[in-house]
Amino acid sequence: MKITTFGRQVEVTEDLKILFEKKLGKLDKFFRDDADCNVTLRERKNGRKVLEVTITTGNTLFRAETEEETFQNALDKAVSTIERQIRKNKTRLEKRLRESAFDRDFSAFEEPVEEEGEFDIRVKSFSFKPMSAEEAILQMNLLGHEFFVFENDKTGEVNVVYKRHAKRYGLIVPD
């Protein structure tokens, strides 16, 4: 797994890079060699450390964002979160993603947009592949998001799945 570390107004020391290689290396057993891992570090005004880990393998994303007193503690928490996501969804991942899910590149990035008016708007851009609503729900759960935008593999239209109450989901389709 290739690990890339970013620091947002935080210096990334060699000691931290070595620690990330060691701790995240434990996750190699779950991923193919082409997996990419992005680690983003930042510090809040109150001094707490925020660590975001995003692992991309084919078209599947695993993400954990943690806030702790130190980056080491945040990393431990993030690694256990990703391991839990993998174990929880292991059978679904094997059934749905083994055959053709790793064909195309899937990458996401965040870009802050200049503040206009009273709202601070962040724009997220990503490429997506055609998938079923069930696969989109799996991706949404792996990312820990409340909704997920995808291209419906049957209709070719852009759809949105979202979480409802009591482990139920909704699907938004255009008219």
C-alpha atoms as a PDB file:
ATOM      1  CA  MET A   1       0.000   0.000   0.000  1.00  0.00           C
ATOM      2  CA  LYS A   2       1.324   3.411  -0.964  1.00  0.00           C
ATOM      3  CA  ILE A   3       1.012   5.926   1.887  1.00  0.00           C
ATOM      4  CA  THR A   4       0.967   9.681   1.235  1.00  0.00           C
ATOM      5  CA  THR A   5       0.942  12.124   4.139  1.00  0.00           C
ATOM      6  CA  PHE A   6      -0.336  15.706   4.017  1.00  0.00           C
ATOM      7  CA  GLY A   7      -0.123  18.327   6.726  1.00  0.00           C
ATOM      8  CA  ARG A   8      -2.507  21.273   6.777  1.00  0.00           C
ATOM      9  CA  GLN A   9      -0.634  23.954   8.693  1.00  0.00           C
ATOM     10  CA  VAL A  10       1.135  21.073  10.469  1.00  0.00           C
ATOM     11  CA  GLU A  11       4.689  19.877   9.897  1.00  0.00           C
ATOM     12  CA  VAL A  12       4.847  16.168   9.105  1.00  0.00           C
ATOM     13  CA  THR A  13       8.016  14.835  10.752  1.00  0.00           C
ATOM     14  CA  GLU A  14       9.932  11.740   9.677  1.00  0.00           C
ATOM     15  CA  ASP A  15       9.028  10.093  12.986  1.00  0.00           C
ATOM     16  CA  LEU A  16       5.328  10.476  12.163  1.00  0.00           C
ATOM     17  CA  LYS A  17       5.835   9.099   8.645  1.00  0.00           C
ATOM     18  CA  ILE A  18       7.620   6.045  10.059  1.00  0.00           C
ATOM     19  CA  LEU A  19       4.830   5.546  12.600  1.00  0.00           C
ATOM     20  CA  PHE A  20       2.187   5.776   9.854  1.00  0.00           C
ATOM     21  CA  GLU A  21       4.074   3.237   7.703  1.00  0.00           C
ATOM     22  CA  LYS A  22       4.273   0.832  10.648  1.00  0.00           C
ATOM     23  CA  LYS A  23       0.678   1.144  11.889  1.00  0.00           C
ATOM     24  CA  LEU A  24      -1.016   1.346   8.478  1.00  0.00           C
ATOM     25  CA  GLY A  25       1.193  -1.490   7.230  1.00  0.00           C
ATOM     26  CA  LYS A  26      -0.916  -3.793   9.408  1.00  0.00           C
ATOM     27  CA  LEU A  27      -3.817  -3.150   7.016  1.00  0.00           C
ATOM     28  CA  ASP A  28      -1.848  -4.444   3.996  1.00  0.00           C
ATOM     29  CA  LYS A  29      -3.259  -7.925   4.542  1.00  0.00           C
ATOM     30  CA  PHE A  30      -6.706  -6.630   3.538  1.00  0.00           C
ATOM     31  CA  PHE A  31      -5.716  -4.786   0.356  1.00  0.00           C
ATOM     32  CA  ARG A  32      -4.088  -5.430  -2.983  1.00  0.00           C
ATOM     33  CA  ASP A  33      -0.722  -3.874  -3.812  1.00  0.00           C
ATOM     34  CA  ASP A  34      -2.386  -1.076  -5.827  1.00  0.00           C
ATOM     35  CA  ALA A  35      -4.099   0.407  -2.743  1.00  0.00           C
ATOM     36  CA  ASP A  36      -3.404   4.073  -1.975  1.00  0.00           C
ATOM     37  CA  CYS A  37      -3.600   5.575   1.485  1.00  0.00           C
ATOM     38  CA  ASN A  38      -3.826   9.316   2.133  1.00  0.00           C
ATOM     39  CA  VAL A  39      -3.225  10.587   5.648  1.00  0.00           C
ATOM     40  CA  THR A  40      -4.163  14.206   6.342  1.00  0.00           C
ATOM     41  CA  LEU A  41      -3.091  15.921   9.555  1.00  0.00           C
ATOM     42  CA  ARG A  42      -4.359  19.168  11.004  1.00  0.00           C
ATOM     43  CA  GLU A  43      -4.598  20.830  14.365  1.00  0.00           C
ATOM     44  CA  ARG A  44      -7.667  22.549  15.774  1.00  0.00           C
ATOM     45  CA  LYS A  45      -7.486  25.880  17.568  1.00  0.00           C
ATOM     46  CA  ASN A  46      -7.992  24.106  20.895  1.00  0.00           C
ATOM     47  CA  GLY A  47      -4.803  22.082  20.286  1.00  0.00           C
ATOM     48  CA  ARG A  48      -6.502  18.777  19.524  1.00  0.00           C
ATOM     49  CA  LYS A  49      -5.052  16.789  16.639  1.00  0.00           C
ATOM     50  CA  VAL A  50      -7.249  15.651  13.742  1.00  0.00           C
ATOM     51  CA  LEU A  51      -6.151  12.753  11.556  1.00  0.00           C
ATOM     52  CA  GLU A  52      -8.004  11.622   8.445  1.00  0.00           C
ATOM     53  CA  VAL A  53      -7.142   8.312   6.756  1.00  0.00           C
ATOM     54  CA  THR A  54      -8.577   7.488   3.328  1.00  0.00           C
ATOM     55  CA  ILE A  55      -7.679   4.193   1.658  1.00  0.00           C
ATOM     56  CA  THR A  56      -8.583   3.741  -1.999  1.00  0.00           C
ATOM     57  CA  THR A  57      -8.448   0.334  -3.604  1.00  0.00           C
ATOM     58  CA  GLY A  58     -10.008   0.159  -7.023  1.00  0.00           C
ATOM     59  CA  ASN A  59     -13.431   1.734  -6.613  1.00  0.00           C
ATOM     60  CA  THR A  60     -13.763   1.185  -2.882  1.00  0.00           C
ATOM     61  CA  LEU A  61     -12.982   3.837  -0.290  1.00  0.00           C
ATOM     62  CA  PHE A  62     -12.354   3.279   3.386  1.00  0.00           C
ATOM     63  CA  ARG A  63     -12.255   6.419   5.505  1.00  0.00           C
ATOM     64  CA  ALA A  64     -11.774   7.309   9.141  1.00  0.00           C
ATOM     65  CA  GLU A  65     -11.458  10.736  10.740  1.00  0.00           C
ATOM     66  CA  THR A  66     -10.419  10.945  14.380  1.00  0.00           C
ATOM     67  CA  GLU A  67      -9.631  13.697  16.853  1.00  0.00           C
ATOM     68  CA  GLU A  68      -7.375  13.062  19.846  1.00  0.00           C
ATOM     69  CA  GLU A  69      -4.720  14.703  22.014  1.00  0.00           C
ATOM     70  CA  THR A  70      -1.873  13.290  19.861  1.00  0.00           C
ATOM     71  CA  PHE A  71      -1.549  12.095  16.282  1.00  0.00           C
ATOM     72  CA  GLN A  72      -0.411   8.677  17.561  1.00  0.00           C
ATOM     73  CA  ASN A  73      -3.637   8.175  19.530  1.00  0.00           C
ATOM     74  CA  ALA A  74      -5.692   9.418  16.577  1.00  0.00           C
ATOM     75  CA  LEU A  75      -3.898   6.957  14.274  1.00  0.00           C
ATOM     76  CA  ASP A  76      -4.612   4.009  16.577  1.00  0.00           C
ATOM     77  CA  LYS A  77      -8.284   4.939  16.649  1.00  0.00           C
ATOM     78  CA  ALA A  78      -8.423   5.405  12.851  1.00  0.00           C
ATOM     79  CA  VAL A  79      -6.782   2.026  12.161  1.00  0.00           C
ATOM     80  CA  SER A  80      -9.250   0.237  14.423  1.00  0.00           C
ATOM     81  CA  THR A  81     -12.151   2.082  12.737  1.00  0.00           C
ATOM     82  CA  ILE A  82     -11.034   0.937   9.277  1.00  0.00           C
ATOM     83  CA  GLU A  83     -10.482  -2.644  10.495  1.00  0.00           C
ATOM     84  CA  ARG A  84     -14.012  -2.599  11.928  1.00  0.00           C
ATOM     85  CA  GLN A  85     -15.419  -1.330   8.597  1.00  0.00           C
ATOM     86  CA  ILE A  86     -13.639  -4.112   6.713  1.00  0.00           C
ATOM     87  CA  ARG A  87     -14.770  -6.873   9.067  1.00  0.00           C
ATOM     88  CA  LYS A  88     -18.351  -5.576   9.233  1.00  0.00           C
ATOM     89  CA  ASN A  89     -18.690  -5.482   5.445  1.00  0.00           C
ATOM     90  CA  LYS A  90     -16.416  -8.408   4.528  1.00  0.00           C
ATOM     91  CA  THR A  91     -19.055 -10.662   2.980  1.00  0.00           C
ATOM     92  CA  ARG A  92     -20.723  -7.808   1.094  1.00  0.00           C
ATOM     93  CA  LEU A  93     -17.371  -6.678  -0.276  1.00  0.00           C
ATOM     94  CA  GLU A  94     -16.501 -10.192  -1.421  1.00  0.00           C
ATOM     95  CA  LYS A  95     -19.885 -10.720  -3.116  1.00  0.00           C
ATOM     96  CA  ARG A  96     -20.321  -7.365  -4.832  1.00  0.00           C
ATOM     97  CA  LEU A  97     -16.886  -5.953  -5.431  1.00  0.00           C
ATOM     98  CA  ARG A  98     -14.685  -8.877  -6.382  1.00  0.00           C
ATOM     99  CA  GLU A  99     -15.636  -9.286 -10.038  1.00  0.00           C
ATOM    100  CA  SER A 100     -15.597  -5.899 -11.755  1.00  0.00           C
ATOM    101  CA  ALA A 101     -15.504  -3.226  -9.092  1.00  0.00           C
ATOM    102  CA  PHE A 102     -11.758  -2.714  -9.360  1.00  0.00           C
ATOM    103  CA  ASP A 103     -11.767  -1.805 -13.058  1.00  0.00           C
ATOM    104  CA  ARG A 104     -11.849   2.003 -12.945  1.00  0.00           C
ATOM    105  CA  ASP A 105     -10.098   4.679 -10.911  1.00  0.00           C
ATOM    106  CA  PHE A 106     -12.071   6.368  -8.119  1.00  0.00           C
ATOM    107  CA  SER A 107     -10.538   9.347  -6.408  1.00  0.00           C
ATOM    108  CA  ALA A 108     -11.936  12.156  -4.295  1.00  0.00           C
ATOM    109  CA  PHE A 109     -10.511  15.444  -3.149  1.00  0.00           C
ATOM    110  CA  GLU A 110     -11.659  18.490  -1.270  1.00  0.00           C
ATOM    111  CA  GLU A 111     -11.200  22.058  -2.396  1.00  0.00           C
ATOM    112  CA  PRO A 112     -12.163  24.972  -0.191  1.00  0.00           C
ATOM    113  CA  VAL A 113     -14.170  27.563  -2.069  1.00  0.00           C
ATOM    114  CA  GLU A 114     -13.724  31.251  -1.423  1.00  0.00           C
ATOM    115  CA  GLU A 115     -16.261  32.434   1.075  1.00  0.00           C
ATOM    116  CA  GLU A 116     -19.085  34.395  -0.498  1.00  0.00           C
ATOM    117  CA  GLY A 117     -21.719  35.743   1.818  1.00  0.00           C
ATOM    118  CA  GLU A 118     -22.478  33.975   5.069  1.00  0.00           C
ATOM    119  CA  PHE A 119     -21.813  30.345   4.025  1.00  0.00           C
ATOM    120  CA  ASP A 120     -18.459  28.570   3.953  1.00  0.00           C
ATOM    121  CA  ILE A 121     -18.912  26.126   1.088  1.00  0.00           C
ATOM    122  CA  ARG A 122     -16.586  23.226   0.344  1.00  0.00           C
ATOM    123  CA  VAL A 123     -16.696  21.563  -3.037  1.00  0.00           C
ATOM    124  CA  LYS A 124     -15.959  17.857  -3.370  1.00  0.00           C
ATOM    125  CA  SER A 125     -15.220  16.498  -6.807  1.00  0.00           C
ATOM    126  CA  PHE A 126     -15.081  12.817  -7.638  1.00  0.00           C
ATOM    127  CA  SER A 127     -15.418  10.486 -10.570  1.00  0.00           C
ATOM    128  CA  PHE A 128     -17.909   7.684 -10.232  1.00  0.00           C
ATOM    129  CA  LYS A 129     -18.676   4.413 -11.906  1.00  0.00           C
ATOM    130  CA  PRO A 130     -22.035   2.886 -12.686  1.00  0.00           C
ATOM    131  CA  MET A 131     -23.277   0.797  -9.755  1.00  0.00           C
ATOM    132  CA  SER A 132     -26.424  -0.575  -8.203  1.00  0.00           C
ATOM    133  CA  ALA A 133     -28.217   1.134  -5.325  1.00  0.00           C
ATOM    134  CA  GLU A 134     -27.075  -1.683  -3.009  1.00  0.00           C
ATOM    135  CA  GLU A 135     -23.418  -1.122  -3.900  1.00  0.00           C
ATOM    136  CA  ALA A 136     -23.878   2.640  -3.415  1.00  0.00           C
ATOM    137  CA  ILE A 137     -25.299   1.995   0.069  1.00  0.00           C
ATOM    138  CA  LEU A 138     -22.270  -0.160   0.866  1.00  0.00           C
ATOM    139  CA  GLN A 139     -19.923   2.628  -0.275  1.00  0.00           C
ATOM    140  CA  MET A 140     -21.872   5.204   1.749  1.00  0.00           C
ATOM    141  CA  ASN A 141     -21.585   3.057   4.878  1.00  0.00           C
ATOM    142  CA  LEU A 142     -17.858   2.456   4.329  1.00  0.00           C
ATOM    143  CA  LEU A 143     -17.299   6.206   4.073  1.00  0.00           C
ATOM    144  CA  GLY A 144     -19.505   6.945   7.071  1.00  0.00           C
ATOM    145  CA  HIS A 145     -21.583   9.458   5.137  1.00  0.00           C
ATOM    146  CA  GLU A 146     -25.290  10.208   5.325  1.00  0.00           C
ATOM    147  CA  PHE A 147     -25.772  10.163   1.540  1.00  0.00           C
ATOM    148  CA  PHE A 148     -23.944   8.997  -1.596  1.00  0.00           C
ATOM    149  CA  VAL A 149     -24.189  10.203  -5.216  1.00  0.00           C
ATOM    150  CA  PHE A 150     -23.716   7.573  -7.940  1.00  0.00           C
ATOM    151  CA  GLU A 151     -24.523   6.681 -11.537  1.00  0.00           C
ATOM    152  CA  ASN A 152     -27.255   4.046 -11.698  1.00  0.00           C
ATOM    153  CA  ASP A 153     -25.961   1.065 -13.684  1.00  0.00           C
ATOM    154  CA  LYS A 154     -29.437   0.249 -15.063  1.00  0.00           C
ATOM    155  CA  THR A 155     -30.624   3.737 -16.093  1.00  0.00           C
ATOM    156  CA  GLY A 156     -27.348   5.651 -16.529  1.00  0.00           C
ATOM    157  CA  GLU A 157     -28.793   8.535 -14.484  1.00  0.00           C
ATOM    158  CA  VAL A 158     -27.287  10.199 -11.450  1.00  0.00           C
ATOM    159  CA  ASN A 159     -29.030   9.002  -8.266  1.00  0.00           C
ATOM    160  CA  VAL A 160     -28.604   9.619  -4.540  1.00  0.00           C
ATOM    161  CA  VAL A 161     -28.968   7.104  -1.724  1.00  0.00           C
ATOM    162  CA  TYR A 162     -29.381   8.372   1.829  1.00  0.00           C
ATOM    163  CA  LYS A 163     -29.841   7.080   5.365  1.00  0.00           C
ATOM    164  CA  ARG A 164     -33.266   7.118   6.961  1.00  0.00           C
ATOM    165  CA  HIS A 165     -34.346   6.095  10.437  1.00  0.00           C
ATOM    166  CA  ALA A 166     -33.974   2.566  11.844  1.00  0.00           C
ATOM    167  CA  LYS A 167     -31.401   1.276   9.315  1.00  0.00           C
ATOM    168  CA  ARG A 168     -33.586   2.118   6.339  1.00  0.00           C
ATOM    169  CA  TYR A 169     -32.395   3.854   3.191  1.00  0.00           C
ATOM    170  CA  GLY A 170     -33.858   6.162   0.587  1.00  0.00           C
ATOM    171  CA  LEU A 171     -33.155   6.503  -3.140  1.00  0.00           C
ATOM    172  CA  ILE A 172     -33.579   9.782  -5.018  1.00  0.00           C
ATOM    173  CA  VAL A 173     -34.050   9.512  -8.788  1.00  0.00           C
ATOM    174  CA  PRO A 174     -34.646  12.321 -11.322  1.00  0.00           C
ATOM    175  CA  ASP A 175     -38.061  12.738 -12.998  1.00  0.00           C
END
